Amino acid sequence: MELQMLERASVISSLQRQVKVELIGQYAPLYTRTGRKMKLTFDFSYIKDGVQVYEDAKGYPTRDYEVRVAVARAMGLEVKET
């Protein structure tokens, strides 16, 4: 609800929920052990001050989640954890 209010006040724009991002390594997409492309689903995505921000809320981050967020940050994504 807070993000919706910020969007109405024009502080942020392009608010989306449950945004999936494909994780890319240095030269190619990353794959899971089963052969599928590795993705990370963020709770919210929005634009603030011209920068695309991905926001995720986790009660207890798993080891897998921490690695995926590290890859997303290495890709240059702005990740905000709440």
PDB file of N, CA and C in Angstrom:
ATOM      1  N   MET A   1       0.828  -1.190   0.000  1.00  0.00           N
ATOM      2  CA  MET A   1       0.000   0.000   0.000  1.00  0.00           C
ATOM      3  C   MET A   1       0.874   1.256   0.000  1.00  0.00           C
ATOM      4  N   GLU A   2       2.011   1.178   0.701  1.00  0.00           N
ATOM      5  CA  GLU A   2       2.902   2.334   0.755  1.00  0.00           C
ATOM      6  C   GLU A   2       3.419   2.694  -0.640  1.00  0.00           C
ATOM      7  N   LEU A   3       3.787   1.681  -1.416  1.00  0.00           N
ATOM      8  CA  LEU A   3       4.289   1.938  -2.762  1.00  0.00           C
ATOM      9  C   LEU A   3       3.188   2.492  -3.666  1.00  0.00           C
ATOM     10  N   GLN A   4       1.965   2.038  -3.480  1.00  0.00           N
ATOM     11  CA  GLN A   4       0.853   2.567  -4.267  1.00  0.00           C
ATOM     12  C   GLN A   4       0.633   4.044  -3.959  1.00  0.00           C
ATOM     13  N   MET A   5       0.772   4.419  -2.695  1.00  0.00           N
ATOM     14  CA  MET A   5       0.627   5.828  -2.319  1.00  0.00           C
ATOM     15  C   MET A   5       1.761   6.658  -2.926  1.00  0.00           C
ATOM     16  N   LEU A   6       2.976   6.117  -2.937  1.00  0.00           N
ATOM     17  CA  LEU A   6       4.103   6.833  -3.541  1.00  0.00           C
ATOM     18  C   LEU A   6       3.903   6.999  -5.045  1.00  0.00           C
ATOM     19  N   GLU A   7       3.297   6.005  -5.685  1.00  0.00           N
ATOM     20  CA  GLU A   7       3.024   6.116  -7.109  1.00  0.00           C
ATOM     21  C   GLU A   7       1.958   7.177  -7.365  1.00  0.00           C
ATOM     22  N   ARG A   8       0.917   7.211  -6.536  1.00  0.00           N
ATOM     23  CA  ARG A   8      -0.126   8.236  -6.695  1.00  0.00           C
ATOM     24  C   ARG A   8       0.439   9.630  -6.491  1.00  0.00           C
ATOM     25  N   ALA A   9       1.433   9.762  -5.603  1.00  0.00           N
ATOM     26  CA  ALA A   9       2.058  11.059  -5.326  1.00  0.00           C
ATOM     27  C   ALA A   9       3.159  11.383  -6.334  1.00  0.00           C
ATOM     28  N   SER A  10       3.342  10.527  -7.338  1.00  0.00           N
ATOM     29  CA  SER A  10       4.347  10.693  -8.390  1.00  0.00           C
ATOM     30  C   SER A  10       5.780  10.689  -7.875  1.00  0.00           C
ATOM     31  N   VAL A  11       6.019  10.032  -6.745  1.00  0.00           N
ATOM     32  CA  VAL A  11       7.388   9.859  -6.237  1.00  0.00           C
ATOM     33  C   VAL A  11       8.049   8.710  -6.991  1.00  0.00           C
ATOM     34  N   ILE A  12       7.264   7.665  -7.306  1.00  0.00           N
ATOM     35  CA  ILE A  12       7.732   6.537  -8.115  1.00  0.00           C
ATOM     36  C   ILE A  12       6.767   6.342  -9.275  1.00  0.00           C
ATOM     37  N   SER A  13       7.190   5.557 -10.259  1.00  0.00           N
ATOM     38  CA  SER A  13       6.299   5.270 -11.393  1.00  0.00           C
ATOM     39  C   SER A  13       6.492   3.826 -11.834  1.00  0.00           C
ATOM     40  N   SER A  14       5.609   3.364 -12.681  1.00  0.00           N
ATOM     41  CA  SER A  14       5.668   2.016 -13.273  1.00  0.00           C
ATOM     42  C   SER A  14       5.729   0.904 -12.228  1.00  0.00           C
ATOM     43  N   LEU A  15       4.928   1.008 -11.204  1.00  0.00           N
ATOM     44  CA  LEU A  15       4.898  -0.001 -10.139  1.00  0.00           C
ATOM     45  C   LEU A  15       4.334  -1.315 -10.675  1.00  0.00           C
ATOM     46  N   GLN A  16       5.086  -2.408 -10.430  1.00  0.00           N
ATOM     47  CA  GLN A  16       4.648  -3.746 -10.832  1.00  0.00           C
ATOM     48  C   GLN A  16       4.850  -4.703  -9.668  1.00  0.00           C
ATOM     49  N   ARG A  17       4.076  -5.782  -9.656  1.00  0.00           N
ATOM     50  CA  ARG A  17       4.190  -6.804  -8.614  1.00  0.00           C
ATOM     51  C   ARG A  17       4.654  -8.111  -9.218  1.00  0.00           C
ATOM     52  N   GLN A  18       5.381  -8.908  -8.407  1.00  0.00           N
ATOM     53  CA  GLN A  18       5.845 -10.240  -8.785  1.00  0.00           C
ATOM     54  C   GLN A  18       6.569 -10.221 -10.140  1.00  0.00           C
ATOM     55  N   VAL A  19       7.655  -9.477 -10.187  1.00  0.00           N
ATOM     56  CA  VAL A  19       8.436  -9.308 -11.409  1.00  0.00           C
ATOM     57  C   VAL A  19       9.533 -10.369 -11.470  1.00  0.00           C
ATOM     58  N   LYS A  20       9.569 -11.118 -12.577  1.00  0.00           N
ATOM     59  CA  LYS A  20      10.589 -12.152 -12.756  1.00  0.00           C
ATOM     60  C   LYS A  20      11.731 -11.599 -13.593  1.00  0.00           C
ATOM     61  N   VAL A  21      12.955 -11.841 -13.109  1.00  0.00           N
ATOM     62  CA  VAL A  21      14.149 -11.383 -13.808  1.00  0.00           C
ATOM     63  C   VAL A  21      15.019 -12.602 -14.100  1.00  0.00           C
ATOM     64  N   GLU A  22      15.406 -12.751 -15.358  1.00  0.00           N
ATOM     65  CA  GLU A  22      16.297 -13.843 -15.757  1.00  0.00           C
ATOM     66  C   GLU A  22      17.726 -13.453 -15.363  1.00  0.00           C
ATOM     67  N   LEU A  23      18.422 -14.372 -14.695  1.00  0.00           N
ATOM     68  CA  LEU A  23      19.773 -14.091 -14.234  1.00  0.00           C
ATOM     69  C   LEU A  23      20.785 -14.450 -15.316  1.00  0.00           C
ATOM     70  N   ILE A  24      21.669 -13.501 -15.591  1.00  0.00           N
ATOM     71  CA  ILE A  24      22.667 -13.656 -16.646  1.00  0.00           C
ATOM     72  C   ILE A  24      24.055 -13.591 -16.014  1.00  0.00           C
ATOM     73  N   GLY A  25      24.901 -14.543 -16.381  1.00  0.00           N
ATOM     74  CA  GLY A  25      26.293 -14.526 -15.932  1.00  0.00           C
ATOM     75  C   GLY A  25      27.101 -13.569 -16.785  1.00  0.00           C
ATOM     76  N   GLN A  26      28.409 -13.694 -16.739  1.00  0.00           N
ATOM     77  CA  GLN A  26      29.267 -12.785 -17.491  1.00  0.00           C
ATOM     78  C   GLN A  26      29.056 -12.925 -18.999  1.00  0.00           C
ATOM     79  N   TYR A  27      28.850 -14.149 -19.472  1.00  0.00           N
ATOM     80  CA  TYR A  27      28.764 -14.373 -20.915  1.00  0.00           C
ATOM     81  C   TYR A  27      27.464 -15.012 -21.384  1.00  0.00           C
ATOM     82  N   ALA A  28      26.698 -15.607 -20.484  1.00  0.00           N
ATOM     83  CA  ALA A  28      25.506 -16.339 -20.908  1.00  0.00           C
ATOM     84  C   ALA A  28      24.526 -16.449 -19.744  1.00  0.00           C
ATOM     85  N   PRO A  29      23.276 -16.854 -20.026  1.00  0.00           N
ATOM     86  CA  PRO A  29      22.296 -17.062 -18.953  1.00  0.00           C
ATOM     87  C   PRO A  29      22.762 -18.155 -17.995  1.00  0.00           C
ATOM     88  N   LEU A  30      22.330 -18.056 -16.755  1.00  0.00           N
ATOM     89  CA  LEU A  30      22.625 -19.086 -15.758  1.00  0.00           C
ATOM     90  C   LEU A  30      21.502 -20.112 -15.775  1.00  0.00           C
ATOM     91  N   TYR A  31      21.854 -21.374 -15.502  1.00  0.00           N
ATOM     92  CA  TYR A  31      20.878 -22.457 -15.523  1.00  0.00           C
ATOM     93  C   TYR A  31      20.846 -23.180 -14.177  1.00  0.00           C
ATOM     94  N   THR A  32      19.683 -23.705 -13.829  1.00  0.00           N
ATOM     95  CA  THR A  32      19.546 -24.510 -12.614  1.00  0.00           C
ATOM     96  C   THR A  32      20.077 -25.912 -12.885  1.00  0.00           C
ATOM     97  N   ARG A  33      20.114 -26.727 -11.850  1.00  0.00           N
ATOM     98  CA  ARG A  33      20.566 -28.116 -12.023  1.00  0.00           C
ATOM     99  C   ARG A  33      19.676 -28.909 -12.964  1.00  0.00           C
ATOM    100  N   THR A  34      18.425 -28.499 -13.073  1.00  0.00           N
ATOM    101  CA  THR A  34      17.491 -29.212 -13.951  1.00  0.00           C
ATOM    102  C   THR A  34      17.537 -28.702 -15.391  1.00  0.00           C
ATOM    103  N   GLY A  35      18.362 -27.698 -15.663  1.00  0.00           N
ATOM    104  CA  GLY A  35      18.515 -27.193 -17.014  1.00  0.00           C
ATOM    105  C   GLY A  35      17.645 -26.014 -17.390  1.00  0.00           C
ATOM    106  N   ARG A  36      16.845 -25.516 -16.451  1.00  0.00           N
ATOM    107  CA  ARG A  36      16.013 -24.350 -16.739  1.00  0.00           C
ATOM    108  C   ARG A  36      16.795 -23.071 -16.465  1.00  0.00           C
ATOM    109  N   LYS A  37      16.424 -22.000 -17.160  1.00  0.00           N
ATOM    110  CA  LYS A  37      17.079 -20.718 -16.923  1.00  0.00           C
ATOM    111  C   LYS A  37      16.767 -20.248 -15.506  1.00  0.00           C
ATOM    112  N   MET A  38      17.794 -19.737 -14.828  1.00  0.00           N
ATOM    113  CA  MET A  38      17.644 -19.294 -13.449  1.00  0.00           C
ATOM    114  C   MET A  38      16.974 -17.913 -13.427  1.00  0.00           C
ATOM    115  N   LYS A  39      15.972 -17.778 -12.588  1.00  0.00           N
ATOM    116  CA  LYS A  39      15.237 -16.519 -12.456  1.00  0.00           C
ATOM    117  C   LYS A  39      15.124 -16.142 -10.992  1.00  0.00           C
ATOM    118  N   LEU A  40      14.858 -14.873 -10.769  1.00  0.00           N
ATOM    119  CA  LEU A  40      14.602 -14.365  -9.424  1.00  0.00           C
ATOM    120  C   LEU A  40      13.323 -13.552  -9.496  1.00  0.00           C
ATOM    121  N   THR A  41      12.382 -13.849  -8.634  1.00  0.00           N
ATOM    122  CA  THR A  41      11.115 -13.126  -8.616  1.00  0.00           C
ATOM    123  C   THR A  41      11.145 -12.109  -7.482  1.00  0.00           C
ATOM    124  N   PHE A  42      11.012 -10.848  -7.849  1.00  0.00           N
ATOM    125  CA  PHE A  42      10.971  -9.767  -6.866  1.00  0.00           C
ATOM    126  C   PHE A  42       9.515  -9.440  -6.547  1.00  0.00           C
ATOM    127  N   ASP A  43       9.269  -9.004  -5.316  1.00  0.00           N
ATOM    128  CA  ASP A  43       7.908  -8.652  -4.926  1.00  0.00           C
ATOM    129  C   ASP A  43       7.410  -7.423  -5.678  1.00  0.00           C
ATOM    130  N   PHE A  44       8.293  -6.424  -5.848  1.00  0.00           N
ATOM    131  CA  PHE A  44       7.892  -5.174  -6.502  1.00  0.00           C
ATOM    132  C   PHE A  44       9.005  -4.662  -7.401  1.00  0.00           C
ATOM    133  N   SER A  45       8.601  -3.911  -8.403  1.00  0.00           N
ATOM    134  CA  SER A  45       9.527  -3.217  -9.288  1.00  0.00           C
ATOM    135  C   SER A  45       8.925  -1.853  -9.573  1.00  0.00           C
ATOM    136  N   TYR A  46       9.770  -0.820  -9.575  1.00  0.00           N
ATOM    137  CA  TYR A  46       9.292   0.526  -9.868  1.00  0.00           C
ATOM    138  C   TYR A  46      10.466   1.395 -10.305  1.00  0.00           C
ATOM    139  N   ILE A  47      10.152   2.565 -10.833  1.00  0.00           N
ATOM    140  CA  ILE A  47      11.171   3.517 -11.252  1.00  0.00           C
ATOM    141  C   ILE A  47      11.145   4.689 -10.276  1.00  0.00           C
ATOM    142  N   LYS A  48      12.320   4.995  -9.735  1.00  0.00           N
ATOM    143  CA  LYS A  48      12.459   6.127  -8.814  1.00  0.00           C
ATOM    144  C   LYS A  48      13.673   6.938  -9.245  1.00  0.00           C
ATOM    145  N   ASP A  49      13.468   8.195  -9.516  1.00  0.00           N
ATOM    146  CA  ASP A  49      14.535   9.101  -9.961  1.00  0.00           C
ATOM    147  C   ASP A  49      15.240   8.568 -11.203  1.00  0.00           C
ATOM    148  N   GLY A  50      14.492   7.957 -12.104  1.00  0.00           N
ATOM    149  CA  GLY A  50      15.040   7.457 -13.348  1.00  0.00           C
ATOM    150  C   GLY A  50      15.778   6.132 -13.247  1.00  0.00           C
ATOM    151  N   VAL A  51      15.746   5.501 -12.066  1.00  0.00           N
ATOM    152  CA  VAL A  51      16.444   4.229 -11.846  1.00  0.00           C
ATOM    153  C   VAL A  51      15.414   3.137 -11.582  1.00  0.00           C
ATOM    154  N   GLN A  52      15.567   2.004 -12.286  1.00  0.00           N
ATOM    155  CA  GLN A  52      14.697   0.843 -12.059  1.00  0.00           C
ATOM    156  C   GLN A  52      15.100   0.190 -10.737  1.00  0.00           C
ATOM    157  N   VAL A  53      14.163   0.074  -9.806  1.00  0.00           N
ATOM    158  CA  VAL A  53      14.418  -0.514  -8.487  1.00  0.00           C
ATOM    159  C   VAL A  53      13.609  -1.793  -8.344  1.00  0.00           C
ATOM    160  N   TYR A  54      14.261  -2.844  -7.853  1.00  0.00           N
ATOM    161  CA  TYR A  54      13.592  -4.108  -7.559  1.00  0.00           C
ATOM    162  C   TYR A  54      13.585  -4.267  -6.052  1.00  0.00           C
ATOM    163  N   GLU A  55      12.411  -4.504  -5.481  1.00  0.00           N
ATOM    164  CA  GLU A  55      12.278  -4.588  -4.029  1.00  0.00           C
ATOM    165  C   GLU A  55      11.725  -5.950  -3.636  1.00  0.00           C
ATOM    166  N   ASP A  56      12.310  -6.520  -2.583  1.00  0.00           N
ATOM    167  CA  ASP A  56      11.892  -7.831  -2.127  1.00  0.00           C
ATOM    168  C   ASP A  56      11.869  -7.848  -0.612  1.00  0.00           C
ATOM    169  N   ALA A  57      10.885  -8.522  -0.049  1.00  0.00           N
ATOM    170  CA  ALA A  57      10.758  -8.655   1.400  1.00  0.00           C
ATOM    171  C   ALA A  57      10.846 -10.138   1.755  1.00  0.00           C
ATOM    172  N   LYS A  58      11.795 -10.467   2.582  1.00  0.00           N
ATOM    173  CA  LYS A  58      11.980 -11.851   3.017  1.00  0.00           C
ATOM    174  C   LYS A  58      12.037 -11.877   4.539  1.00  0.00           C
ATOM    175  N   GLY A  59      11.313 -12.819   5.139  1.00  0.00           N
ATOM    176  CA  GLY A  59      11.398 -12.998   6.579  1.00  0.00           C
ATOM    177  C   GLY A  59      12.744 -13.586   6.965  1.00  0.00           C
ATOM    178  N   TYR A  60      13.137 -14.623   6.223  1.00  0.00           N
ATOM    179  CA  TYR A  60      14.418 -15.274   6.455  1.00  0.00           C
ATOM    180  C   TYR A  60      15.008 -15.629   5.093  1.00  0.00           C
ATOM    181  N   PRO A  61      16.048 -14.905   4.675  1.00  0.00           N
ATOM    182  CA  PRO A  61      16.608 -15.187   3.352  1.00  0.00           C
ATOM    183  C   PRO A  61      17.339 -16.531   3.315  1.00  0.00           C
ATOM    184  N   THR A  62      17.032 -17.338   2.331  1.00  0.00           N
ATOM    185  CA  THR A  62      17.698 -18.630   2.171  1.00  0.00           C
ATOM    186  C   THR A  62      19.046 -18.415   1.485  1.00  0.00           C
ATOM    187  N   ARG A  63      19.874 -19.428   1.518  1.00  0.00           N
ATOM    188  CA  ARG A  63      21.182 -19.348   0.882  1.00  0.00           C
ATOM    189  C   ARG A  63      21.020 -19.169  -0.630  1.00  0.00           C
ATOM    190  N   ASP A  64      20.076 -19.867  -1.199  1.00  0.00           N
ATOM    191  CA  ASP A  64      19.798 -19.751  -2.626  1.00  0.00           C
ATOM    192  C   ASP A  64      19.397 -18.319  -2.981  1.00  0.00           C
ATOM    193  N   TYR A  65      18.544 -17.725  -2.169  1.00  0.00           N
ATOM    194  CA  TYR A  65      18.093 -16.351  -2.406  1.00  0.00           C
ATOM    195  C   TYR A  65      19.275 -15.388  -2.358  1.00  0.00           C
ATOM    196  N   GLU A  66      20.149 -15.546  -1.362  1.00  0.00           N
ATOM    197  CA  GLU A  66      21.290 -14.644  -1.225  1.00  0.00           C
ATOM    198  C   GLU A  66      22.200 -14.709  -2.446  1.00  0.00           C
ATOM    199  N   VAL A  67      22.414 -15.900  -2.983  1.00  0.00           N
ATOM    200  CA  VAL A  67      23.248 -16.051  -4.176  1.00  0.00           C
ATOM    201  C   VAL A  67      22.579 -15.385  -5.373  1.00  0.00           C
ATOM    202  N   ARG A  68      21.288 -15.597  -5.534  1.00  0.00           N
ATOM    203  CA  ARG A  68      20.577 -15.004  -6.669  1.00  0.00           C
ATOM    204  C   ARG A  68      20.576 -13.480  -6.594  1.00  0.00           C
ATOM    205  N   VAL A  69      20.413 -12.925  -5.399  1.00  0.00           N
ATOM    206  CA  VAL A  69      20.456 -11.465  -5.245  1.00  0.00           C
ATOM    207  C   VAL A  69      21.854 -10.942  -5.565  1.00  0.00           C
ATOM    208  N   ALA A  70      22.878 -11.674  -5.157  1.00  0.00           N
ATOM    209  CA  ALA A  70      24.252 -11.263  -5.463  1.00  0.00           C
ATOM    210  C   ALA A  70      24.477 -11.233  -6.978  1.00  0.00           C
ATOM    211  N   VAL A  71      23.937 -12.215  -7.686  1.00  0.00           N
ATOM    212  CA  VAL A  71      24.055 -12.240  -9.148  1.00  0.00           C
ATOM    213  C   VAL A  71      23.296 -11.060  -9.752  1.00  0.00           C
ATOM    214  N   ALA A  72      22.096 -10.787  -9.248  1.00  0.00           N
ATOM    215  CA  ALA A  72      21.301  -9.671  -9.757  1.00  0.00           C
ATOM    216  C   ALA A  72      22.048  -8.355  -9.559  1.00  0.00           C
ATOM    217  N   ARG A  73      22.673  -8.181  -8.411  1.00  0.00           N
ATOM    218  CA  ARG A  73      23.450  -6.959  -8.165  1.00  0.00           C
ATOM    219  C   ARG A  73      24.670  -6.890  -9.079  1.00  0.00           C
ATOM    220  N   ALA A  74      25.304  -8.030  -9.324  1.00  0.00           N
ATOM    221  CA  ALA A  74      26.450  -8.069 -10.237  1.00  0.00           C
ATOM    222  C   ALA A  74      26.019  -7.706 -11.664  1.00  0.00           C
ATOM    223  N   MET A  75      24.763  -7.972 -11.993  1.00  0.00           N
ATOM    224  CA  MET A  75      24.222  -7.599 -13.298  1.00  0.00           C
ATOM    225  C   MET A  75      23.944  -6.107 -13.373  1.00  0.00           C
ATOM    226  N   GLY A  76      24.058  -5.405 -12.246  1.00  0.00           N
ATOM    227  CA  GLY A  76      23.825  -3.970 -12.211  1.00  0.00           C
ATOM    228  C   GLY A  76      22.429  -3.564 -11.798  1.00  0.00           C
ATOM    229  N   LEU A  77      21.629  -4.515 -11.296  1.00  0.00           N
ATOM    230  CA  LEU A  77      20.276  -4.193 -10.860  1.00  0.00           C
ATOM    231  C   LEU A  77      20.290  -3.549  -9.485  1.00  0.00           C
ATOM    232  N   GLU A  78      19.413  -2.595  -9.280  1.00  0.00           N
ATOM    233  CA  GLU A  78      19.245  -1.943  -7.987  1.00  0.00           C
ATOM    234  C   GLU A  78      18.260  -2.783  -7.174  1.00  0.00           C
ATOM    235  N   VAL A  79      18.775  -3.484  -6.157  1.00  0.00           N
ATOM    236  CA  VAL A  79      17.936  -4.379  -5.339  1.00  0.00           C
ATOM    237  C   VAL A  79      17.798  -3.800  -3.946  1.00  0.00           C
ATOM    238  N   LYS A  80      16.556  -3.640  -3.509  1.00  0.00           N
ATOM    239  CA  LYS A  80      16.262  -3.129  -2.171  1.00  0.00           C
ATOM    240  C   LYS A  80      15.576  -4.254  -1.387  1.00  0.00           C
ATOM    241  N   GLU A  81      16.149  -4.600  -0.255  1.00  0.00           N
ATOM    242  CA  GLU A  81      15.561  -5.651   0.587  1.00  0.00           C
ATOM    243  C   GLU A  81      14.920  -4.995   1.815  1.00  0.00           C
ATOM    244  N   THR A  82      13.670  -5.413   2.081  1.00  0.00           N
ATOM    245  CA  THR A  82      12.974  -4.856   3.246  1.00  0.00           C
ATOM    246  C   THR A  82      12.572  -5.961   4.183  1.00  0.00           C
TER     247      THR A  82
END
